[in-house]
Amino acid sequence: MRLSIEIRSHAFDELQVLEGIALDVEDGEIVAVIGPSGCGKSTLLGIVGGLIRPTDGSVTTHGVLPAGTLNPFTFVFQDFALLPWRSVADNVAFPLEHHGLSRAERDGLVRDALARTGLSDFARAIPKQLSGGMRQRVGIARALVVRPALLLMDEPLSALDAQTRELLMEDFLALWLRDRVTALYVTHNLDEALRLADRVVVLSRRPGRIKRIVPIAIPQRERAGGSAAATLSGLREELWSLIRDEAAVADREMVHA
C-alpha cells in the first residue's frame, strides 16, 4: 500500500504548524522525519494516522490492504502506554477486543505477534517485571497484532538508554527486513534515521516545510559494517547542517518560553 500526503497548511488556532507538505511513502518503505523541536513532526504523524484533521490537506492510500489487515494504520509511541494490571499477552490482545474475532483467532494473532517480537517466553509477565526495552517490544507487538499496512512511530526509542536503543534498532531492522511493513518514523536522533530509513525527510522550523528529502542508498543490513561508515558520516553531516541553525533557535525559544 502506498501513501500520499498533501498538507497545504495546518494550524492550531493562530499558530501555523505545517505548510506545503507533499510526500509519498512507497509500499514497504521506511521514511524517517527529522527536524528542529516544534517543527510539527508529531502533528504530521497525527494527521496521517487520522488523529488530527488537517486545516487544508488530505492523506490518501493507494492499492489493496495486505491480507488479514485489521487496522490500516497503527501507532507506536515513546510512552509505552501499557496497562499495568494486564499481562504481556493481554496487553497485546487489547486492540483485538473490538474486532469480533473468536477466541482462537485472537489467541493465534497474539502468539504470532509475540513470536515476531521475541516475547513468547514473557507472555504471562506483567509490565513492571520488564525492562524498558522489553516494554517497548510489547508496544510494538501490540501494534503488529492488527496486521497494519502502515506503522506510525513517534520517537519510539527516545526514552531508552543507548544500549537498549541499539538492540531495539537491530530488532526493528530484522522485523522490517522480514515483513517489509511500511513505516513513517519520527525521530530527533540522526543516527536512528540513518540506520533505519530508506529516505529521510528534513522539516524546517515552524511552520514545518520539507527542506530536503535525503535518500540512503546503502541497504539497511549493510549499514552496521565499517565499509558504510564514511558514507553514513557524510550523510549525518548533511542532515545536521540542514537543521543545526534552526535547532539552536528552537532550543532558545523553549528555554525562554
Protein backbone atom coordinates (compact mmCIF):
# COMPACT_ATOMS: atom_id res chain seq x y z
CA MET A 1 0.00 0.00 0.00
CA ARG A 2 1.33 3.42 -0.99
CA LEU A 3 0.59 6.59 0.98
CA SER A 4 0.23 10.11 -0.44
CA ILE A 5 0.37 13.05 1.98
CA GLU A 6 -0.60 16.55 0.86
CA ILE A 7 -0.95 19.12 3.62
CA ARG A 8 -1.25 22.59 2.19
CA SER A 9 -1.48 24.06 5.68
CA HIS A 10 -2.30 23.12 9.24
CA ALA A 11 -2.77 25.45 12.20
CA PHE A 12 -3.81 25.27 15.82
CA ASP A 13 -5.84 28.46 16.23
CA GLU A 14 -3.43 31.20 15.10
CA LEU A 15 -0.32 29.03 15.26
CA GLN A 16 0.73 27.82 11.80
CA VAL A 17 2.34 24.40 12.29
CA LEU A 18 2.74 22.79 8.85
CA GLU A 19 2.77 24.19 5.34
CA GLY A 20 3.28 22.81 1.85
CA ILE A 21 3.92 19.17 2.79
CA ALA A 22 3.79 16.85 -0.23
CA LEU A 23 5.18 13.37 0.35
CA ASP A 24 4.63 9.84 -0.95
CA VAL A 25 5.58 6.81 1.14
CA GLU A 26 6.04 3.75 -1.05
CA ASP A 27 4.92 0.25 -0.16
CA GLY A 28 7.47 -1.45 2.10
CA GLU A 29 9.46 1.76 2.60
CA ILE A 30 10.72 3.25 5.87
CA VAL A 31 10.63 7.06 5.78
CA ALA A 32 12.13 8.95 8.72
CA VAL A 33 11.07 12.51 9.56
CA ILE A 34 13.51 14.79 11.40
CA GLY A 35 13.64 18.49 12.18
CA PRO A 36 14.09 21.02 14.99
CA SER A 37 11.90 20.84 18.08
CA GLY A 38 8.40 22.18 17.45
CA CYS A 39 8.55 21.81 13.66
CA GLY A 40 5.39 19.69 13.51
CA LYS A 41 6.81 16.15 13.22
CA SER A 42 4.34 14.59 15.66
CA THR A 43 1.49 16.68 14.26
CA LEU A 44 2.27 15.30 10.80
CA LEU A 45 2.14 11.76 12.19
CA GLY A 46 -1.18 12.51 13.90
CA ILE A 47 -2.66 13.79 10.65
CA VAL A 48 -1.50 10.71 8.74
CA GLY A 49 -2.97 8.43 11.41
CA GLY A 50 -6.33 10.21 11.46
CA LEU A 51 -5.98 11.63 14.99
CA ILE A 52 -5.87 15.21 13.66
CA ARG A 53 -7.89 16.68 10.81
CA PRO A 54 -5.67 18.94 8.67
CA THR A 55 -6.76 22.53 8.19
CA ASP A 56 -6.22 22.17 4.45
CA GLY A 57 -5.00 18.91 3.02
CA SER A 58 -5.51 15.19 2.63
CA VAL A 59 -3.95 11.79 3.19
CA THR A 60 -4.67 9.16 0.53
CA THR A 61 -3.87 5.46 0.31
CA HIS A 62 -3.32 3.60 -2.94
CA GLY A 63 -3.52 -0.11 -3.53
CA VAL A 64 -5.02 -3.06 -1.70
CA LEU A 65 -4.57 -3.62 2.01
CA PRO A 66 -2.47 -6.68 2.90
CA ALA A 67 -4.44 -9.83 3.63
CA GLY A 68 -5.55 -10.04 7.24
CA THR A 69 -5.17 -6.32 7.99
CA LEU A 70 -7.47 -5.28 10.84
CA ASN A 71 -6.26 -1.68 11.25
CA PRO A 72 -4.67 0.02 8.22
CA PHE A 73 -2.60 2.39 10.43
CA THR A 74 -1.26 1.80 13.92
CA PHE A 75 0.94 3.84 16.25
CA VAL A 76 3.99 3.12 18.38
CA PHE A 77 4.69 5.95 20.81
CA GLN A 78 7.61 6.97 23.03
CA ASP A 79 5.37 6.28 26.04
CA PHE A 80 4.77 2.52 26.13
CA ALA A 81 1.21 3.11 27.48
CA LEU A 82 0.84 -0.47 28.71
CA LEU A 83 -1.96 -1.44 31.08
CA PRO A 84 -0.03 -2.31 34.27
CA TRP A 85 -2.57 -4.84 35.55
CA ARG A 86 -2.62 -6.89 32.35
CA SER A 87 -0.10 -9.49 31.27
CA VAL A 88 2.07 -9.06 28.18
CA ALA A 89 -0.26 -11.28 26.16
CA ASP A 90 -3.35 -9.41 27.37
CA ASN A 91 -1.76 -6.04 26.55
CA VAL A 92 -1.01 -7.26 23.04
CA ALA A 93 -4.55 -8.63 22.71
CA PHE A 94 -6.17 -5.32 23.71
CA PRO A 95 -6.53 -3.86 20.15
CA LEU A 96 -8.29 -7.06 19.04
CA GLU A 97 -11.10 -6.95 21.56
CA HIS A 98 -13.48 -4.95 19.36
CA HIS A 99 -12.91 -6.81 16.10
CA GLY A 100 -15.40 -9.61 16.62
CA LEU A 101 -12.79 -12.35 16.44
CA SER A 102 -13.18 -15.77 18.01
CA ARG A 103 -11.03 -16.62 21.00
CA ALA A 104 -8.97 -18.98 18.85
CA GLU A 105 -8.39 -16.31 16.18
CA ARG A 106 -7.41 -13.74 18.80
CA ASP A 107 -5.04 -16.12 20.57
CA GLY A 108 -3.41 -17.07 17.26
CA LEU A 109 -2.76 -13.43 16.35
CA VAL A 110 -1.32 -12.72 19.80
CA ARG A 111 1.00 -15.74 19.65
CA ASP A 112 2.23 -14.65 16.22
CA ALA A 113 2.88 -11.05 17.36
CA LEU A 114 4.74 -12.25 20.44
CA ALA A 115 6.86 -14.61 18.35
CA ARG A 116 7.70 -11.87 15.83
CA THR A 117 8.97 -9.61 18.62
CA GLY A 118 10.78 -12.22 20.70
CA LEU A 119 8.28 -12.11 23.54
CA SER A 120 6.86 -15.63 23.54
CA ASP A 121 8.59 -16.53 26.82
CA PHE A 122 7.21 -13.40 28.52
CA ALA A 123 3.53 -13.80 27.66
CA ARG A 124 2.41 -14.11 31.29
CA ALA A 125 4.68 -11.38 32.71
CA ILE A 126 3.26 -8.02 33.74
CA PRO A 127 4.84 -4.72 32.65
CA LYS A 128 6.56 -3.89 35.96
CA GLN A 129 8.58 -7.10 35.62
CA LEU A 130 10.07 -5.97 32.30
CA SER A 131 12.89 -3.63 31.32
CA GLY A 132 12.16 -0.51 29.30
CA GLY A 133 13.31 -2.20 26.13
CA MET A 134 11.07 -5.18 26.73
CA ARG A 135 8.10 -2.92 27.46
CA GLN A 136 8.66 -1.17 24.16
CA ARG A 137 8.75 -4.56 22.44
CA VAL A 138 5.31 -5.17 23.92
CA GLY A 139 4.19 -1.86 22.42
CA ILE A 140 5.50 -2.96 19.03
CA ALA A 141 3.82 -6.37 19.33
CA ARG A 142 0.55 -4.62 20.20
CA ALA A 143 0.90 -2.54 17.04
CA LEU A 144 1.72 -5.55 14.88
CA VAL A 145 -1.09 -7.75 16.16
CA VAL A 146 -3.63 -5.91 13.97
CA ARG A 147 -1.50 -6.61 10.86
CA PRO A 148 -1.19 -2.93 9.91
CA ALA A 149 -0.40 -1.71 6.42
CA LEU A 150 1.50 1.26 7.90
CA LEU A 151 3.37 1.69 11.19
CA LEU A 152 3.41 5.25 12.55
CA MET A 153 6.29 5.55 15.01
CA ASP A 154 6.67 8.64 17.19
CA GLU A 155 10.16 8.66 18.73
CA PRO A 156 9.76 5.06 19.94
CA LEU A 157 13.34 4.75 21.23
CA SER A 158 13.91 8.16 22.80
CA ALA A 159 13.05 7.06 26.36
CA LEU A 160 15.59 4.20 26.30
CA ASP A 161 19.27 4.10 27.19
CA ALA A 162 21.85 3.89 24.41
CA GLN A 163 22.50 0.14 24.66
CA THR A 164 18.81 -0.75 24.71
CA ARG A 165 18.17 1.62 21.82
CA GLU A 166 20.87 -0.13 19.78
CA LEU A 167 19.39 -3.56 20.50
CA LEU A 168 15.89 -2.43 19.56
CA MET A 169 17.12 -0.88 16.32
CA GLU A 170 18.52 -4.30 15.42
CA ASP A 171 15.15 -5.84 16.28
CA PHE A 172 13.31 -3.26 14.16
CA LEU A 173 15.56 -3.96 11.21
CA ALA A 174 15.16 -7.72 11.47
CA LEU A 175 11.39 -7.29 11.63
CA TRP A 176 11.20 -4.87 8.71
CA LEU A 177 13.59 -6.79 6.51
CA ARG A 178 11.50 -9.93 7.05
CA ASP A 179 7.99 -8.48 6.82
CA ARG A 180 8.51 -5.22 4.87
CA VAL A 181 5.95 -3.28 6.89
CA THR A 182 5.70 0.28 5.57
CA ALA A 183 6.68 2.80 8.26
CA LEU A 184 6.70 6.55 8.86
CA TYR A 185 9.23 7.09 11.65
CA VAL A 186 9.52 10.39 13.54
CA THR A 187 12.76 10.90 15.45
CA HIS A 188 15.12 13.59 16.68
CA ASN A 189 18.03 11.15 16.54
CA LEU A 190 20.01 11.41 13.30
CA ASP A 191 21.76 8.07 13.85
CA GLU A 192 18.42 6.26 14.16
CA ALA A 193 17.21 7.84 10.94
CA LEU A 194 20.38 6.86 9.10
CA ARG A 195 20.33 3.32 10.44
CA LEU A 196 16.69 2.55 9.70
CA ALA A 197 15.28 4.69 6.91
CA ASP A 198 15.23 4.36 3.14
CA ARG A 199 14.73 8.13 2.95
CA VAL A 200 14.99 10.94 5.49
CA VAL A 201 12.60 13.91 5.27
CA VAL A 202 14.01 17.07 6.83
CA LEU A 203 11.43 19.59 8.07
CA SER A 204 12.12 23.26 8.62
CA ARG A 205 11.42 25.25 11.75
CA ARG A 206 7.73 26.04 12.30
CA PRO A 207 5.77 26.19 10.15
CA GLY A 208 7.24 22.86 9.12
CA ARG A 209 8.03 22.62 5.42
CA ILE A 210 10.05 19.97 3.62
CA LYS A 211 13.57 21.36 3.27
CA ARG A 212 15.03 18.28 1.68
CA ILE A 213 14.44 14.57 1.20
CA VAL A 214 17.69 12.64 1.58
CA PRO A 215 17.80 9.09 0.13
CA ILE A 216 20.08 6.49 1.74
CA ALA A 217 21.32 4.16 -0.97
CA ILE A 218 23.10 1.69 1.33
CA PRO A 219 20.89 -1.33 2.15
CA GLN A 220 19.92 -1.39 5.84
CA ARG A 221 21.59 -4.74 6.51
CA GLU A 222 24.95 -3.29 5.35
CA ARG A 223 24.91 -0.08 7.39
CA ALA A 224 26.45 -1.52 10.56
CA GLY A 225 29.61 -2.53 8.68
CA GLY A 226 32.75 -0.48 8.55
CA SER A 227 32.57 -0.05 4.79
CA ALA A 228 29.46 2.12 5.20
CA ALA A 229 30.86 4.33 7.95
CA ALA A 230 32.31 7.09 5.76
CA THR A 231 29.16 7.42 3.64
CA LEU A 232 26.87 7.48 6.67
CA SER A 233 29.11 10.02 8.38
CA GLY A 234 28.84 12.28 5.36
CA LEU A 235 25.06 11.91 5.31
CA ARG A 236 24.91 12.71 9.02
CA GLU A 237 26.86 15.91 8.44
CA GLU A 238 24.46 16.81 5.63
CA LEU A 239 21.41 16.23 7.83
CA TRP A 240 22.87 18.16 10.75
CA SER A 241 23.80 21.08 8.50
CA LEU A 242 20.16 21.26 7.41
CA ILE A 243 18.77 21.56 10.93
CA ARG A 244 21.64 22.95 13.07
CA ASP A 245 20.82 26.66 12.97
CA GLU A 246 17.06 26.19 13.29
CA ALA A 247 17.53 23.67 16.11
CA ALA A 248 19.56 26.27 18.02
CA VAL A 249 16.79 28.87 17.58
CA ALA A 250 14.12 26.35 18.63
CA ASP A 251 16.13 25.46 21.72
CA ARG A 252 16.36 29.11 22.78
CA GLU A 253 12.64 29.55 22.22
CA MET A 254 11.92 26.60 24.50
CA VAL A 255 14.26 27.89 27.21
CA HIS A 256 12.70 31.37 27.24
CA ALA A 257 9.06 30.28 26.79
